[in-house]
């Protein structure tokens, strides 16, 4: 005979490894800074590549 569960038992995880709400708030600023710096660096190094120029840079609206 099969026993069925009427509804799943959910539990909220307080943390996943060392990642929790406090650590995410503490690292939000540096992560945002390095994310913007990474995108800027990729933009600088791929500016002269024709494929990137035609695929991405021509489609950026400049007013």
Protein backbone atom coordinates (compact mmCIF):
# COMPACT_ATOMS: atom_id res chain seq x y z
CA UNK A 1 0.00 0.00 0.00
CA UNK A 2 1.27 3.48 -0.88
CA UNK A 3 1.18 6.24 1.70
CA UNK A 4 0.46 9.66 0.21
CA UNK A 5 1.37 12.99 1.80
CA UNK A 6 -1.41 15.56 1.63
CA UNK A 7 0.95 18.53 1.29
CA UNK A 8 4.71 19.00 1.30
CA UNK A 9 6.38 20.16 4.48
CA UNK A 10 8.34 23.33 3.65
CA UNK A 11 10.94 24.81 5.93
CA UNK A 12 12.76 28.09 5.43
CA UNK A 13 16.51 27.75 5.31
CA UNK A 14 18.28 30.17 7.62
CA UNK A 15 21.48 29.94 5.59
CA UNK A 16 23.05 28.05 2.73
CA UNK A 17 26.62 27.28 3.73
CA UNK A 18 28.06 30.63 4.82
CA UNK A 19 25.60 32.65 2.74
CA UNK A 20 22.91 34.33 4.83
CA UNK A 21 21.13 37.67 4.84
CA UNK A 22 23.75 39.47 6.90
CA UNK A 23 26.62 38.33 4.67
CA UNK A 24 24.73 39.29 1.51
CA UNK A 25 24.09 42.80 2.83
CA UNK A 26 27.73 43.13 3.89
CA UNK A 27 29.04 42.13 0.45
CA UNK A 28 26.43 43.91 -1.70
CA UNK A 29 28.50 47.07 -2.21
CA UNK A 30 31.78 45.39 -3.18
CA UNK A 31 29.97 42.87 -5.40
CA UNK A 32 28.16 45.68 -7.23
CA UNK A 33 31.44 47.59 -7.66
CA UNK A 34 33.30 44.59 -9.07
CA UNK A 35 30.35 43.67 -11.29
CA UNK A 36 30.30 47.13 -12.87
CA UNK A 37 34.10 47.08 -13.20
CA UNK A 38 33.93 43.70 -14.94
CA UNK A 39 31.31 44.88 -17.44
CA UNK A 40 33.35 48.02 -18.12
CA UNK A 41 36.52 45.97 -18.67
CA UNK A 42 34.77 43.59 -21.05
CA UNK A 43 33.45 46.61 -22.95
CA UNK A 44 36.92 48.14 -23.25
CA UNK A 45 38.58 44.97 -24.48
CA UNK A 46 35.85 44.00 -26.95
CA UNK A 47 35.34 47.46 -28.44
CA UNK A 48 37.59 46.79 -31.44
CA UNK A 49 36.18 43.33 -32.26
CA UNK A 50 33.92 43.58 -35.34
CA UNK A 51 31.54 40.87 -34.17
CA UNK A 52 30.90 42.61 -30.85
CA UNK A 53 30.64 45.97 -32.57
CA UNK A 54 27.94 44.78 -34.96
CA UNK A 55 26.10 42.57 -32.46
CA UNK A 56 26.08 44.75 -29.34
CA UNK A 57 27.55 48.23 -29.62
CA UNK A 58 25.53 49.39 -32.63
CA UNK A 59 22.33 48.52 -30.77
CA UNK A 60 23.05 50.69 -27.71
CA UNK A 61 20.87 53.80 -27.94
CA UNK A 62 22.90 57.00 -27.58
CA UNK A 63 20.88 60.18 -27.24
